[in-house]
mmCIF file of all heavy atoms, coordinates in Angstrom:
data_MODEL
# 
_entry.id   MODEL 
# 
loop_
_atom_site.group_PDB 
_atom_site.id 
_atom_site.type_symbol 
_atom_site.label_atom_id 
_atom_site.label_alt_id 
_atom_site.label_comp_id 
_atom_site.label_asym_id 
_atom_site.label_entity_id 
_atom_site.label_seq_id 
_atom_site.pdbx_PDB_ins_code 
_atom_site.Cartn_x 
_atom_site.Cartn_y 
_atom_site.Cartn_z 
_atom_site.occupancy 
_atom_site.B_iso_or_equiv 
_atom_site.pdbx_formal_charge 
_atom_site.auth_seq_id 
_atom_site.auth_comp_id 
_atom_site.auth_asym_id 
_atom_site.auth_atom_id 
_atom_site.pdbx_PDB_model_num 
ATOM 1   N N   . PRO A 1 1  ? 65.043  114.758 221.559 1.00 0.00 ? 1  PRO A N   1 
ATOM 2   C CA  . PRO A 1 1  ? 65.157  114.398 222.992 1.00 0.00 ? 1  PRO A CA  1 
ATOM 3   C C   . PRO A 1 1  ? 66.575  114.690 223.428 1.00 0.00 ? 1  PRO A C   1 
ATOM 4   O O   . PRO A 1 1  ? 67.556  114.808 222.631 1.00 0.00 ? 1  PRO A O   1 
ATOM 5   C CB  . PRO A 1 1  ? 64.958  112.912 222.882 1.00 0.00 ? 1  PRO A CB  1 
ATOM 6   C CG  . PRO A 1 1  ? 65.291  112.550 221.378 1.00 0.00 ? 1  PRO A CG  1 
ATOM 7   C CD  . PRO A 1 1  ? 64.829  113.832 220.601 1.00 0.00 ? 1  PRO A CD  1 
ATOM 8   N N   . VAL A 1 2  ? 66.751  115.014 224.718 1.00 0.00 ? 2  VAL A N   1 
ATOM 9   C CA  . VAL A 1 2  ? 67.956  115.266 225.251 1.00 0.00 ? 2  VAL A CA  1 
ATOM 10  C C   . VAL A 1 2  ? 68.719  114.007 225.736 1.00 0.00 ? 2  VAL A C   1 
ATOM 11  O O   . VAL A 1 2  ? 68.091  113.281 226.577 1.00 0.00 ? 2  VAL A O   1 
ATOM 12  C CB  . VAL A 1 2  ? 67.846  116.263 226.513 1.00 0.00 ? 2  VAL A CB  1 
ATOM 13  C CG1 . VAL A 1 2  ? 69.169  116.538 227.182 1.00 0.00 ? 2  VAL A CG1 1 
ATOM 14  C CG2 . VAL A 1 2  ? 67.130  117.540 226.096 1.00 0.00 ? 2  VAL A CG2 1 
ATOM 15  N N   . MET A 1 3  ? 69.865  113.724 225.205 1.00 0.00 ? 3  MET A N   1 
ATOM 16  C CA  . MET A 1 3  ? 70.597  112.483 225.492 1.00 0.00 ? 3  MET A CA  1 
ATOM 17  C C   . MET A 1 3  ? 71.760  112.605 226.327 1.00 0.00 ? 3  MET A C   1 
ATOM 18  O O   . MET A 1 3  ? 72.647  111.724 226.391 1.00 0.00 ? 3  MET A O   1 
ATOM 19  C CB  . MET A 1 3  ? 70.996  111.893 224.154 1.00 0.00 ? 3  MET A CB  1 
ATOM 20  C CG  . MET A 1 3  ? 69.871  111.516 223.192 1.00 0.00 ? 3  MET A CG  1 
ATOM 21  S SD  . MET A 1 3  ? 68.904  110.113 223.760 1.00 0.00 ? 3  MET A SD  1 
ATOM 22  C CE  . MET A 1 3  ? 67.806  109.872 222.312 1.00 0.00 ? 3  MET A CE  1 
ATOM 23  N N   . SER A 1 4  ? 71.927  113.720 227.054 1.00 0.00 ? 4  SER A N   1 
ATOM 24  C CA  . SER A 1 4  ? 73.093  114.024 227.810 1.00 0.00 ? 4  SER A CA  1 
ATOM 25  C C   . SER A 1 4  ? 73.353  112.998 228.937 1.00 0.00 ? 4  SER A C   1 
ATOM 26  O O   . SER A 1 4  ? 74.564  112.483 229.193 1.00 0.00 ? 4  SER A O   1 
ATOM 27  C CB  . SER A 1 4  ? 73.144  115.452 228.293 1.00 0.00 ? 4  SER A CB  1 
ATOM 28  O OG  . SER A 1 4  ? 71.997  115.628 229.110 1.00 0.00 ? 4  SER A OG  1 
ATOM 29  N N   . SER A 1 5  ? 72.280  112.609 229.597 1.00 0.00 ? 5  SER A N   1 
ATOM 30  C CA  . SER A 1 5  ? 72.474  111.638 230.733 1.00 0.00 ? 5  SER A CA  1 
ATOM 31  C C   . SER A 1 5  ? 72.816  110.253 230.174 1.00 0.00 ? 5  SER A C   1 
ATOM 32  O O   . SER A 1 5  ? 73.594  109.607 230.838 1.00 0.00 ? 5  SER A O   1 
ATOM 33  C CB  . SER A 1 5  ? 71.190  111.618 231.488 1.00 0.00 ? 5  SER A CB  1 
ATOM 34  O OG  . SER A 1 5  ? 70.060  111.166 230.761 1.00 0.00 ? 5  SER A OG  1 
ATOM 35  N N   . LEU A 1 6  ? 72.233  109.901 229.107 1.00 0.00 ? 6  LEU A N   1 
ATOM 36  C CA  . LEU A 1 6  ? 72.671  108.603 228.444 1.00 0.00 ? 6  LEU A CA  1 
ATOM 37  C C   . LEU A 1 6  ? 74.085  108.672 227.966 1.00 0.00 ? 6  LEU A C   1 
ATOM 38  O O   . LEU A 1 6  ? 74.869  107.640 228.152 1.00 0.00 ? 6  LEU A O   1 
ATOM 39  C CB  . LEU A 1 6  ? 71.697  108.334 227.281 1.00 0.00 ? 6  LEU A CB  1 
ATOM 40  C CG  . LEU A 1 6  ? 70.304  108.119 227.651 1.00 0.00 ? 6  LEU A CG  1 
ATOM 41  C CD1 . LEU A 1 6  ? 69.450  107.736 226.420 1.00 0.00 ? 6  LEU A CD1 1 
ATOM 42  C CD2 . LEU A 1 6  ? 70.119  106.967 228.766 1.00 0.00 ? 6  LEU A CD2 1 
ATOM 43  N N   . ASN A 1 7  ? 74.601  109.676 227.495 1.00 0.00 ? 7  ASN A N   1 
ATOM 44  C CA  . ASN A 1 7  ? 76.138  109.790 227.129 1.00 0.00 ? 7  ASN A CA  1 
ATOM 45  C C   . ASN A 1 7  ? 76.890  109.725 228.335 1.00 0.00 ? 7  ASN A C   1 
ATOM 46  O O   . ASN A 1 7  ? 77.894  109.104 228.394 1.00 0.00 ? 7  ASN A O   1 
ATOM 47  C CB  . ASN A 1 7  ? 76.301  111.184 226.408 1.00 0.00 ? 7  ASN A CB  1 
ATOM 48  C CG  . ASN A 1 7  ? 75.496  111.253 225.083 1.00 0.00 ? 7  ASN A CG  1 
ATOM 49  O OD1 . ASN A 1 7  ? 75.361  110.209 224.370 1.00 0.00 ? 7  ASN A OD1 1 
ATOM 50  N ND2 . ASN A 1 7  ? 75.335  112.513 224.667 1.00 0.00 ? 7  ASN A ND2 1 
ATOM 51  N N   . THR A 1 8  ? 76.382  110.384 229.417 1.00 0.00 ? 8  THR A N   1 
ATOM 52  C CA  . THR A 1 8  ? 77.199  110.261 230.741 1.00 0.00 ? 8  THR A CA  1 
ATOM 53  C C   . THR A 1 8  ? 77.227  108.853 231.224 1.00 0.00 ? 8  THR A C   1 
ATOM 54  O O   . THR A 1 8  ? 78.227  108.375 231.768 1.00 0.00 ? 8  THR A O   1 
ATOM 55  C CB  . THR A 1 8  ? 76.469  111.094 231.752 1.00 0.00 ? 8  THR A CB  1 
ATOM 56  O OG1 . THR A 1 8  ? 76.331  112.449 231.259 1.00 0.00 ? 8  THR A OG1 1 
ATOM 57  C CG2 . THR A 1 8  ? 77.297  111.066 233.072 1.00 0.00 ? 8  THR A CG2 1 
ATOM 58  N N   . SER A 1 9  ? 76.117  108.044 231.070 1.00 0.00 ? 9  SER A N   1 
ATOM 59  C CA  . SER A 1 9  ? 76.147  106.624 231.533 1.00 0.00 ? 9  SER A CA  1 
ATOM 60  C C   . SER A 1 9  ? 77.201  105.823 230.755 1.00 0.00 ? 9  SER A C   1 
ATOM 61  O O   . SER A 1 9  ? 77.871  104.979 231.380 1.00 0.00 ? 9  SER A O   1 
ATOM 62  C CB  . SER A 1 9  ? 74.711  106.014 231.218 1.00 0.00 ? 9  SER A CB  1 
ATOM 63  O OG  . SER A 1 9  ? 74.402  105.932 229.898 1.00 0.00 ? 9  SER A OG  1 
ATOM 64  N N   . VAL A 1 10 ? 77.399  106.111 229.403 1.00 0.00 ? 10 VAL A N   1 
ATOM 65  C CA  . VAL A 1 10 ? 78.471  105.339 228.792 1.00 0.00 ? 10 VAL A CA  1 
ATOM 66  C C   . VAL A 1 10 ? 79.805  105.700 229.316 1.00 0.00 ? 10 VAL A C   1 
ATOM 67  O O   . VAL A 1 10 ? 80.720  104.794 229.442 1.00 0.00 ? 10 VAL A O   1 
ATOM 68  C CB  . VAL A 1 10 ? 78.291  105.676 227.286 1.00 0.00 ? 10 VAL A CB  1 
ATOM 69  C CG1 . VAL A 1 10 ? 79.434  104.977 226.465 1.00 0.00 ? 10 VAL A CG1 1 
ATOM 70  C CG2 . VAL A 1 10 ? 77.059  105.109 226.719 1.00 0.00 ? 10 VAL A CG2 1 
ATOM 71  N N   . VAL A 1 11 ? 79.973  106.965 229.579 1.00 0.00 ? 11 VAL A N   1 
ATOM 72  C CA  . VAL A 1 11 ? 81.230  107.371 230.054 1.00 0.00 ? 11 VAL A CA  1 
ATOM 73  C C   . VAL A 1 11 ? 81.568  106.735 231.355 1.00 0.00 ? 11 VAL A C   1 
ATOM 74  O O   . VAL A 1 11 ? 82.607  106.251 231.721 1.00 0.00 ? 11 VAL A O   1 
ATOM 75  C CB  . VAL A 1 11 ? 81.315  108.937 230.295 1.00 0.00 ? 11 VAL A CB  1 
ATOM 76  C CG1 . VAL A 1 11 ? 82.607  109.320 230.949 1.00 0.00 ? 11 VAL A CG1 1 
ATOM 77  C CG2 . VAL A 1 11 ? 81.162  109.610 228.879 1.00 0.00 ? 11 VAL A CG2 1 
ATOM 78  N N   . PHE A 1 12 ? 80.519  106.764 232.254 1.00 0.00 ? 12 PHE A N   1 
ATOM 79  C CA  . PHE A 1 12 ? 80.765  106.038 233.557 1.00 0.00 ? 12 PHE A CA  1 
ATOM 80  C C   . PHE A 1 12 ? 80.898  104.532 233.430 1.00 0.00 ? 12 PHE A C   1 
ATOM 81  O O   . PHE A 1 12 ? 81.608  103.886 234.251 1.00 0.00 ? 12 PHE A O   1 
ATOM 82  C CB  . PHE A 1 12 ? 79.483  106.320 234.513 1.00 0.00 ? 12 PHE A CB  1 
ATOM 83  C CG  . PHE A 1 12 ? 79.594  107.550 235.221 1.00 0.00 ? 12 PHE A CG  1 
ATOM 84  C CD1 . PHE A 1 12 ? 78.735  108.621 235.021 1.00 0.00 ? 12 PHE A CD1 1 
ATOM 85  C CD2 . PHE A 1 12 ? 80.528  107.720 236.269 1.00 0.00 ? 12 PHE A CD2 1 
ATOM 86  C CE1 . PHE A 1 12 ? 78.815  109.756 235.621 1.00 0.00 ? 12 PHE A CE1 1 
ATOM 87  C CE2 . PHE A 1 12 ? 80.557  108.933 236.923 1.00 0.00 ? 12 PHE A CE2 1 
ATOM 88  C CZ  . PHE A 1 12 ? 79.812  109.909 236.659 1.00 0.00 ? 12 PHE A CZ  1 
ATOM 89  N N   . GLY A 1 13 ? 80.337  103.950 232.408 1.00 0.00 ? 13 GLY A N   1 
ATOM 90  C CA  . GLY A 1 13 ? 80.519  102.543 232.140 1.00 0.00 ? 13 GLY A CA  1 
ATOM 91  C C   . GLY A 1 13 ? 82.029  102.245 231.883 1.00 0.00 ? 13 GLY A C   1 
ATOM 92  O O   . GLY A 1 13 ? 82.693  101.304 232.518 1.00 0.00 ? 13 GLY A O   1 
ATOM 93  N N   . TYR A 1 14 ? 82.670  103.073 231.021 1.00 0.00 ? 14 TYR A N   1 
ATOM 94  C CA  . TYR A 1 14 ? 84.119  102.834 230.744 1.00 0.00 ? 14 TYR A CA  1 
ATOM 95  C C   . TYR A 1 14 ? 84.927  103.223 231.854 1.00 0.00 ? 14 TYR A C   1 
ATOM 96  O O   . TYR A 1 14 ? 86.008  102.698 232.113 1.00 0.00 ? 14 TYR A O   1 
ATOM 97  C CB  . TYR A 1 14 ? 84.371  103.625 229.480 1.00 0.00 ? 14 TYR A CB  1 
ATOM 98  C CG  . TYR A 1 14 ? 83.958  102.959 228.160 1.00 0.00 ? 14 TYR A CG  1 
ATOM 99  C CD1 . TYR A 1 14 ? 82.942  103.514 227.465 1.00 0.00 ? 14 TYR A CD1 1 
ATOM 100 C CD2 . TYR A 1 14 ? 84.604  101.709 227.723 1.00 0.00 ? 14 TYR A CD2 1 
ATOM 101 C CE1 . TYR A 1 14 ? 82.524  102.911 226.280 1.00 0.00 ? 14 TYR A CE1 1 
ATOM 102 C CE2 . TYR A 1 14 ? 84.114  101.115 226.572 1.00 0.00 ? 14 TYR A CE2 1 
ATOM 103 C CZ  . TYR A 1 14 ? 83.155  101.664 225.826 1.00 0.00 ? 14 TYR A CZ  1 
ATOM 104 O OH  . TYR A 1 14 ? 82.637  101.013 224.723 1.00 0.00 ? 14 TYR A OH  1 
ATOM 105 N N   . LEU A 1 15 ? 84.519  104.191 232.638 1.00 0.00 ? 15 LEU A N   1 
ATOM 106 C CA  . LEU A 1 15 ? 85.335  104.596 233.780 1.00 0.00 ? 15 LEU A CA  1 
ATOM 107 C C   . LEU A 1 15 ? 85.336  103.428 234.884 1.00 0.00 ? 15 LEU A C   1 
ATOM 108 O O   . LEU A 1 15 ? 86.283  103.105 235.566 1.00 0.00 ? 15 LEU A O   1 
ATOM 109 C CB  . LEU A 1 15 ? 84.764  105.851 234.515 1.00 0.00 ? 15 LEU A CB  1 
ATOM 110 C CG  . LEU A 1 15 ? 85.070  107.158 233.767 1.00 0.00 ? 15 LEU A CG  1 
ATOM 111 C CD1 . LEU A 1 15 ? 84.422  108.297 234.571 1.00 0.00 ? 15 LEU A CD1 1 
ATOM 112 C CD2 . LEU A 1 15 ? 86.524  107.369 233.801 1.00 0.00 ? 15 LEU A CD2 1 
ATOM 113 N N   . ASN A 1 16 ? 84.155  102.727 234.943 1.00 0.00 ? 16 ASN A N   1 
ATOM 114 C CA  . ASN A 1 16 ? 84.029  101.654 235.916 1.00 0.00 ? 16 ASN A CA  1 
ATOM 115 C C   . ASN A 1 16 ? 85.007  100.456 235.315 1.00 0.00 ? 16 ASN A C   1 
ATOM 116 O O   . ASN A 1 16 ? 85.620  99.716  236.203 1.00 0.00 ? 16 ASN A O   1 
ATOM 117 C CB  . ASN A 1 16 ? 82.666  101.076 235.898 1.00 0.00 ? 16 ASN A CB  1 
ATOM 118 C CG  . ASN A 1 16 ? 81.816  101.794 236.983 1.00 0.00 ? 16 ASN A CG  1 
ATOM 119 O OD1 . ASN A 1 16 ? 81.928  101.522 238.117 1.00 0.00 ? 16 ASN A OD1 1 
ATOM 120 N ND2 . ASN A 1 16 ? 80.963  102.696 236.529 1.00 0.00 ? 16 ASN A ND2 1 
ATOM 121 N N   . PHE A 1 17 ? 85.027  100.199 234.049 1.00 0.00 ? 17 PHE A N   1 
ATOM 122 C CA  . PHE A 1 17 ? 85.966  99.224  233.526 1.00 0.00 ? 17 PHE A CA  1 
ATOM 123 C C   . PHE A 1 17 ? 87.341  99.577  233.833 1.00 0.00 ? 17 PHE A C   1 
ATOM 124 O O   . PHE A 1 17 ? 88.180  98.698  234.323 1.00 0.00 ? 17 PHE A O   1 
ATOM 125 C CB  . PHE A 1 17 ? 85.748  99.211  231.963 1.00 0.00 ? 17 PHE A CB  1 
ATOM 126 C CG  . PHE A 1 17 ? 86.991  98.481  231.331 1.00 0.00 ? 17 PHE A CG  1 
ATOM 127 C CD1 . PHE A 1 17 ? 87.203  97.176  231.485 1.00 0.00 ? 17 PHE A CD1 1 
ATOM 128 C CD2 . PHE A 1 17 ? 87.836  99.245  230.526 1.00 0.00 ? 17 PHE A CD2 1 
ATOM 129 C CE1 . PHE A 1 17 ? 88.324  96.505  230.862 1.00 0.00 ? 17 PHE A CE1 1 
ATOM 130 C CE2 . PHE A 1 17 ? 88.979  98.678  229.950 1.00 0.00 ? 17 PHE A CE2 1 
ATOM 131 C CZ  . PHE A 1 17 ? 89.168  97.258  230.120 1.00 0.00 ? 17 PHE A CZ  1 
ATOM 132 N N   . ILE A 1 18 ? 87.839  100.796 233.759 1.00 0.00 ? 18 ILE A N   1 
ATOM 133 C CA  . ILE A 1 18 ? 89.182  101.265 234.124 1.00 0.00 ? 18 ILE A CA  1 
ATOM 134 C C   . ILE A 1 18 ? 89.381  101.033 235.519 1.00 0.00 ? 18 ILE A C   1 
ATOM 135 O O   . ILE A 1 18 ? 90.519  100.502 235.970 1.00 0.00 ? 18 ILE A O   1 
ATOM 136 C CB  . ILE A 1 18 ? 89.420  102.681 233.667 1.00 0.00 ? 18 ILE A CB  1 
ATOM 137 C CG1 . ILE A 1 18 ? 89.374  102.857 232.149 1.00 0.00 ? 18 ILE A CG1 1 
ATOM 138 C CG2 . ILE A 1 18 ? 90.787  103.175 234.148 1.00 0.00 ? 18 ILE A CG2 1 
ATOM 139 C CD1 . ILE A 1 18 ? 89.425  104.141 231.627 1.00 0.00 ? 18 ILE A CD1 1 
ATOM 140 N N   . LEU A 1 19 ? 88.482  101.376 236.362 1.00 0.00 ? 19 LEU A N   1 
ATOM 141 C CA  . LEU A 1 19 ? 88.531  101.300 237.844 1.00 0.00 ? 19 LEU A CA  1 
ATOM 142 C C   . LEU A 1 19 ? 88.779  99.830  238.325 1.00 0.00 ? 19 LEU A C   1 
ATOM 143 O O   . LEU A 1 19 ? 89.634  99.517  239.040 1.00 0.00 ? 19 LEU A O   1 
ATOM 144 C CB  . LEU A 1 19 ? 87.359  101.915 238.513 1.00 0.00 ? 19 LEU A CB  1 
ATOM 145 C CG  . LEU A 1 19 ? 87.396  101.975 240.048 1.00 0.00 ? 19 LEU A CG  1 
ATOM 146 C CD1 . LEU A 1 19 ? 88.446  102.827 240.502 1.00 0.00 ? 19 LEU A CD1 1 
ATOM 147 C CD2 . LEU A 1 19 ? 86.034  102.498 240.548 1.00 0.00 ? 19 LEU A CD2 1 
ATOM 148 N N   . TRP A 1 20 ? 87.859  98.964  237.744 1.00 0.00 ? 20 TRP A N   1 
ATOM 149 C CA  . TRP A 1 20 ? 88.016  97.550  238.165 1.00 0.00 ? 20 TRP A CA  1 
ATOM 150 C C   . TRP A 1 20 ? 89.205  96.872  237.507 1.00 0.00 ? 20 TRP A C   1 
ATOM 151 O O   . TRP A 1 20 ? 89.794  96.018  238.129 1.00 0.00 ? 20 TRP A O   1 
ATOM 152 C CB  . TRP A 1 20 ? 86.694  96.861  237.663 1.00 0.00 ? 20 TRP A CB  1 
ATOM 153 C CG  . TRP A 1 20 ? 85.514  97.135  238.570 1.00 0.00 ? 20 TRP A CG  1 
ATOM 154 C CD1 . TRP A 1 20 ? 84.713  98.243  238.548 1.00 0.00 ? 20 TRP A CD1 1 
ATOM 155 C CD2 . TRP A 1 20 ? 84.965  96.332  239.577 1.00 0.00 ? 20 TRP A CD2 1 
ATOM 156 N NE1 . TRP A 1 20 ? 83.724  98.122  239.517 1.00 0.00 ? 20 TRP A NE1 1 
ATOM 157 C CE2 . TRP A 1 20 ? 83.862  96.911  240.177 1.00 0.00 ? 20 TRP A CE2 1 
ATOM 158 C CE3 . TRP A 1 20 ? 85.354  95.053  240.084 1.00 0.00 ? 20 TRP A CE3 1 
ATOM 159 C CZ2 . TRP A 1 20 ? 83.063  96.408  241.175 1.00 0.00 ? 20 TRP A CZ2 1 
ATOM 160 C CZ3 . TRP A 1 20 ? 84.563  94.493  241.076 1.00 0.00 ? 20 TRP A CZ3 1 
ATOM 161 C CH2 . TRP A 1 20 ? 83.500  95.144  241.584 1.00 0.00 ? 20 TRP A CH2 1 
ATOM 162 N N   . ALA A 1 21 ? 89.533  97.254  236.378 1.00 0.00 ? 21 ALA A N   1 
ATOM 163 C CA  . ALA A 1 21 ? 90.795  96.624  235.709 1.00 0.00 ? 21 ALA A CA  1 
ATOM 164 C C   . ALA A 1 21 ? 92.036  97.070  236.476 1.00 0.00 ? 21 ALA A C   1 
ATOM 165 O O   . ALA A 1 21 ? 92.887  96.200  236.636 1.00 0.00 ? 21 ALA A O   1 
ATOM 166 C CB  . ALA A 1 21 ? 90.894  96.996  234.255 1.00 0.00 ? 21 ALA A CB  1 
ATOM 167 N N   . GLY A 1 22 ? 92.035  98.284  236.893 1.00 0.00 ? 22 GLY A N   1 
ATOM 168 C CA  . GLY A 1 22 ? 93.235  98.779  237.694 1.00 0.00 ? 22 GLY A CA  1 
ATOM 169 C C   . GLY A 1 22 ? 93.248  98.094  239.139 1.00 0.00 ? 22 GLY A C   1 
ATOM 170 O O   . GLY A 1 22 ? 94.330  97.940  239.624 1.00 0.00 ? 22 GLY A O   1 
ATOM 171 N N   . ASN A 1 23 ? 92.089  97.679  239.577 1.00 0.00 ? 23 ASN A N   1 
ATOM 172 C CA  . ASN A 1 23 ? 91.990  97.093  240.923 1.00 0.00 ? 23 ASN A CA  1 
ATOM 173 C C   . ASN A 1 23 ? 92.470  95.629  240.963 1.00 0.00 ? 23 ASN A C   1 
ATOM 174 O O   . ASN A 1 23 ? 92.751  95.010  241.940 1.00 0.00 ? 23 ASN A O   1 
ATOM 175 C CB  . ASN A 1 23 ? 90.562  97.226  241.392 1.00 0.00 ? 23 ASN A CB  1 
ATOM 176 C CG  . ASN A 1 23 ? 90.501  96.868  242.941 1.00 0.00 ? 23 ASN A CG  1 
ATOM 177 O OD1 . ASN A 1 23 ? 91.346  97.412  243.727 1.00 0.00 ? 23 ASN A OD1 1 
ATOM 178 N ND2 . ASN A 1 23 ? 89.551  96.074  243.274 1.00 0.00 ? 23 ASN A ND2 1 
ATOM 179 N N   . ILE A 1 24 ? 92.636  95.107  239.742 1.00 0.00 ? 24 ILE A N   1 
ATOM 180 C CA  . ILE A 1 24 ? 93.018  93.664  239.636 1.00 0.00 ? 24 ILE A CA  1 
ATOM 181 C C   . ILE A 1 24 ? 94.455  93.588  240.218 1.00 0.00 ? 24 ILE A C   1 
ATOM 182 O O   . ILE A 1 24 ? 94.832  92.615  240.848 1.00 0.00 ? 24 ILE A O   1 
ATOM 183 C CB  . ILE A 1 24 ? 93.119  93.295  238.106 1.00 0.00 ? 24 ILE A CB  1 
ATOM 184 C CG1 . ILE A 1 24 ? 91.656  93.105  237.629 1.00 0.00 ? 24 ILE A CG1 1 
ATOM 185 C CG2 . ILE A 1 24 ? 93.787  91.949  237.953 1.00 0.00 ? 24 ILE A CG2 1 
ATOM 186 C CD1 . ILE A 1 24 ? 91.616  92.829  236.190 1.00 0.00 ? 24 ILE A CD1 1 
ATOM 187 N N   . TRP A 1 25 ? 95.359  94.567  240.011 1.00 0.00 ? 25 TRP A N   1 
ATOM 188 C CA  . TRP A 1 25 ? 96.721  94.445  240.422 1.00 0.00 ? 25 TRP A CA  1 
ATOM 189 C C   . TRP A 1 25 ? 96.746  94.446  242.011 1.00 0.00 ? 25 TRP A C   1 
ATOM 190 O O   . TRP A 1 25 ? 97.469  93.624  242.662 1.00 0.00 ? 25 TRP A O   1 
ATOM 191 C CB  . TRP A 1 25 ? 97.459  95.595  240.056 1.00 0.00 ? 25 TRP A CB  1 
ATOM 192 C CG  . TRP A 1 25 ? 98.877  95.782  240.662 1.00 0.00 ? 25 TRP A CG  1 
ATOM 193 C CD1 . TRP A 1 25 ? 99.202  96.824  241.476 1.00 0.00 ? 25 TRP A CD1 1 
ATOM 194 C CD2 . TRP A 1 25 ? 99.969  94.997  240.620 1.00 0.00 ? 25 TRP A CD2 1 
ATOM 195 N NE1 . TRP A 1 25 ? 100.464 96.617  241.973 1.00 0.00 ? 25 TRP A NE1 1 
ATOM 196 C CE2 . TRP A 1 25 ? 100.971 95.505  241.408 1.00 0.00 ? 25 TRP A CE2 1 
ATOM 197 C CE3 . TRP A 1 25 ? 100.181 93.713  239.975 1.00 0.00 ? 25 TRP A CE3 1 
ATOM 198 C CZ2 . TRP A 1 25 ? 102.177 94.907  241.569 1.00 0.00 ? 25 TRP A CZ2 1 
ATOM 199 C CZ3 . TRP A 1 25 ? 101.449 93.082  240.078 1.00 0.00 ? 25 TRP A CZ3 1 
ATOM 200 C CH2 . TRP A 1 25 ? 102.492 93.707  240.904 1.00 0.00 ? 25 TRP A CH2 1 
ATOM 201 N N   . PHE A 1 26 ? 95.813  95.246  242.719 1.00 0.00 ? 26 PHE A N   1 
ATOM 202 C CA  . PHE A 1 26 ? 95.953  95.266  244.178 1.00 0.00 ? 26 PHE A CA  1 
ATOM 203 C C   . PHE A 1 26 ? 95.325  94.152  244.769 1.00 0.00 ? 26 PHE A C   1 
ATOM 204 O O   . PHE A 1 26 ? 95.782  93.685  245.779 1.00 0.00 ? 26 PHE A O   1 
ATOM 205 C CB  . PHE A 1 26 ? 95.149  96.569  244.525 1.00 0.00 ? 26 PHE A CB  1 
ATOM 206 C CG  . PHE A 1 26 ? 95.724  97.862  244.117 1.00 0.00 ? 26 PHE A CG  1 
ATOM 207 C CD1 . PHE A 1 26 ? 95.284  98.530  242.957 1.00 0.00 ? 26 PHE A CD1 1 
ATOM 208 C CD2 . PHE A 1 26 ? 96.777  98.441  244.724 1.00 0.00 ? 26 PHE A CD2 1 
ATOM 209 C CE1 . PHE A 1 26 ? 95.717  99.720  242.461 1.00 0.00 ? 26 PHE A CE1 1 
ATOM 210 C CE2 . PHE A 1 26 ? 97.403  99.613  244.243 1.00 0.00 ? 26 PHE A CE2 1 
ATOM 211 C CZ  . PHE A 1 26 ? 96.844  100.247 243.275 1.00 0.00 ? 26 PHE A CZ  1 
ATOM 212 N N   . VAL A 1 27 ? 94.341  93.563  244.145 1.00 0.00 ? 27 VAL A N   1 
ATOM 213 C CA  . VAL A 1 27 ? 93.698  92.265  244.612 1.00 0.00 ? 27 VAL A CA  1 
ATOM 214 C C   . VAL A 1 27 ? 94.702  91.128  244.425 1.00 0.00 ? 27 VAL A C   1 
ATOM 215 O O   . VAL A 1 27 ? 94.793  90.206  245.242 1.00 0.00 ? 27 VAL A O   1 
ATOM 216 C CB  . VAL A 1 27 ? 92.419  91.963  243.967 1.00 0.00 ? 27 VAL A CB  1 
ATOM 217 C CG1 . VAL A 1 27 ? 91.713  90.809  244.474 1.00 0.00 ? 27 VAL A CG1 1 
ATOM 218 C CG2 . VAL A 1 27 ? 91.363  93.148  244.167 1.00 0.00 ? 27 VAL A CG2 1 
ATOM 219 N N   . PHE A 1 28 ? 95.410  91.182  243.298 1.00 0.00 ? 28 PHE A N   1 
ATOM 220 C CA  . PHE A 1 28 ? 96.400  90.160  242.945 1.00 0.00 ? 28 PHE A CA  1 
ATOM 221 C C   . PHE A 1 28 ? 97.482  90.107  244.099 1.00 0.00 ? 28 PHE A C   1 
ATOM 222 O O   . PHE A 1 28 ? 97.932  89.084  244.488 1.00 0.00 ? 28 PHE A O   1 
ATOM 223 C CB  . PHE A 1 28 ? 97.009  90.394  241.595 1.00 0.00 ? 28 PHE A CB  1 
ATOM 224 C CG  . PHE A 1 28 ? 98.251  89.433  241.273 1.00 0.00 ? 28 PHE A CG  1 
ATOM 225 C CD1 . PHE A 1 28 ? 98.014  88.177  240.980 1.00 0.00 ? 28 PHE A CD1 1 
ATOM 226 C CD2 . PHE A 1 28 ? 99.531  89.951  241.352 1.00 0.00 ? 28 PHE A CD2 1 
ATOM 227 C CE1 . PHE A 1 28 ? 99.045  87.342  240.639 1.00 0.00 ? 28 PHE A CE1 1 
ATOM 228 C CE2 . PHE A 1 28 ? 100.523 89.174  240.992 1.00 0.00 ? 28 PHE A CE2 1 
ATOM 229 C CZ  . PHE A 1 28 ? 100.368 87.788  240.795 1.00 0.00 ? 28 PHE A CZ  1 
ATOM 230 N N   . LYS A 1 29 ? 97.905  91.251  244.553 1.00 0.00 ? 29 LYS A N   1 
ATOM 231 C CA  . LYS A 1 29 ? 98.884  91.205  245.641 1.00 0.00 ? 29 LYS A CA  1 
ATOM 232 C C   . LYS A 1 29 ? 98.418  90.624  246.987 1.00 0.00 ? 29 LYS A C   1 
ATOM 233 O O   . LYS A 1 29 ? 99.138  90.102  247.752 1.00 0.00 ? 29 LYS A O   1 
ATOM 234 C CB  . LYS A 1 29 ? 99.437  92.614  245.916 1.00 0.00 ? 29 LYS A CB  1 
ATOM 235 C CG  . LYS A 1 29 ? 100.248 93.177  244.730 1.00 0.00 ? 29 LYS A CG  1 
ATOM 236 C CD  . LYS A 1 29 ? 100.977 94.438  245.070 1.00 0.00 ? 29 LYS A CD  1 
ATOM 237 C CE  . LYS A 1 29 ? 100.008 95.590  245.499 1.00 0.00 ? 29 LYS A CE  1 
ATOM 238 N NZ  . LYS A 1 29 ? 100.873 96.908  245.835 1.00 0.00 ? 29 LYS A NZ  1 
# 
């Protein structure tokens, strides 16, 4: 089976974490 899209989903999951964690500072202000 080809798992490339599932690997991409994990990458996007961690990118979302970085994006939301970085947004904490701007919402805090």
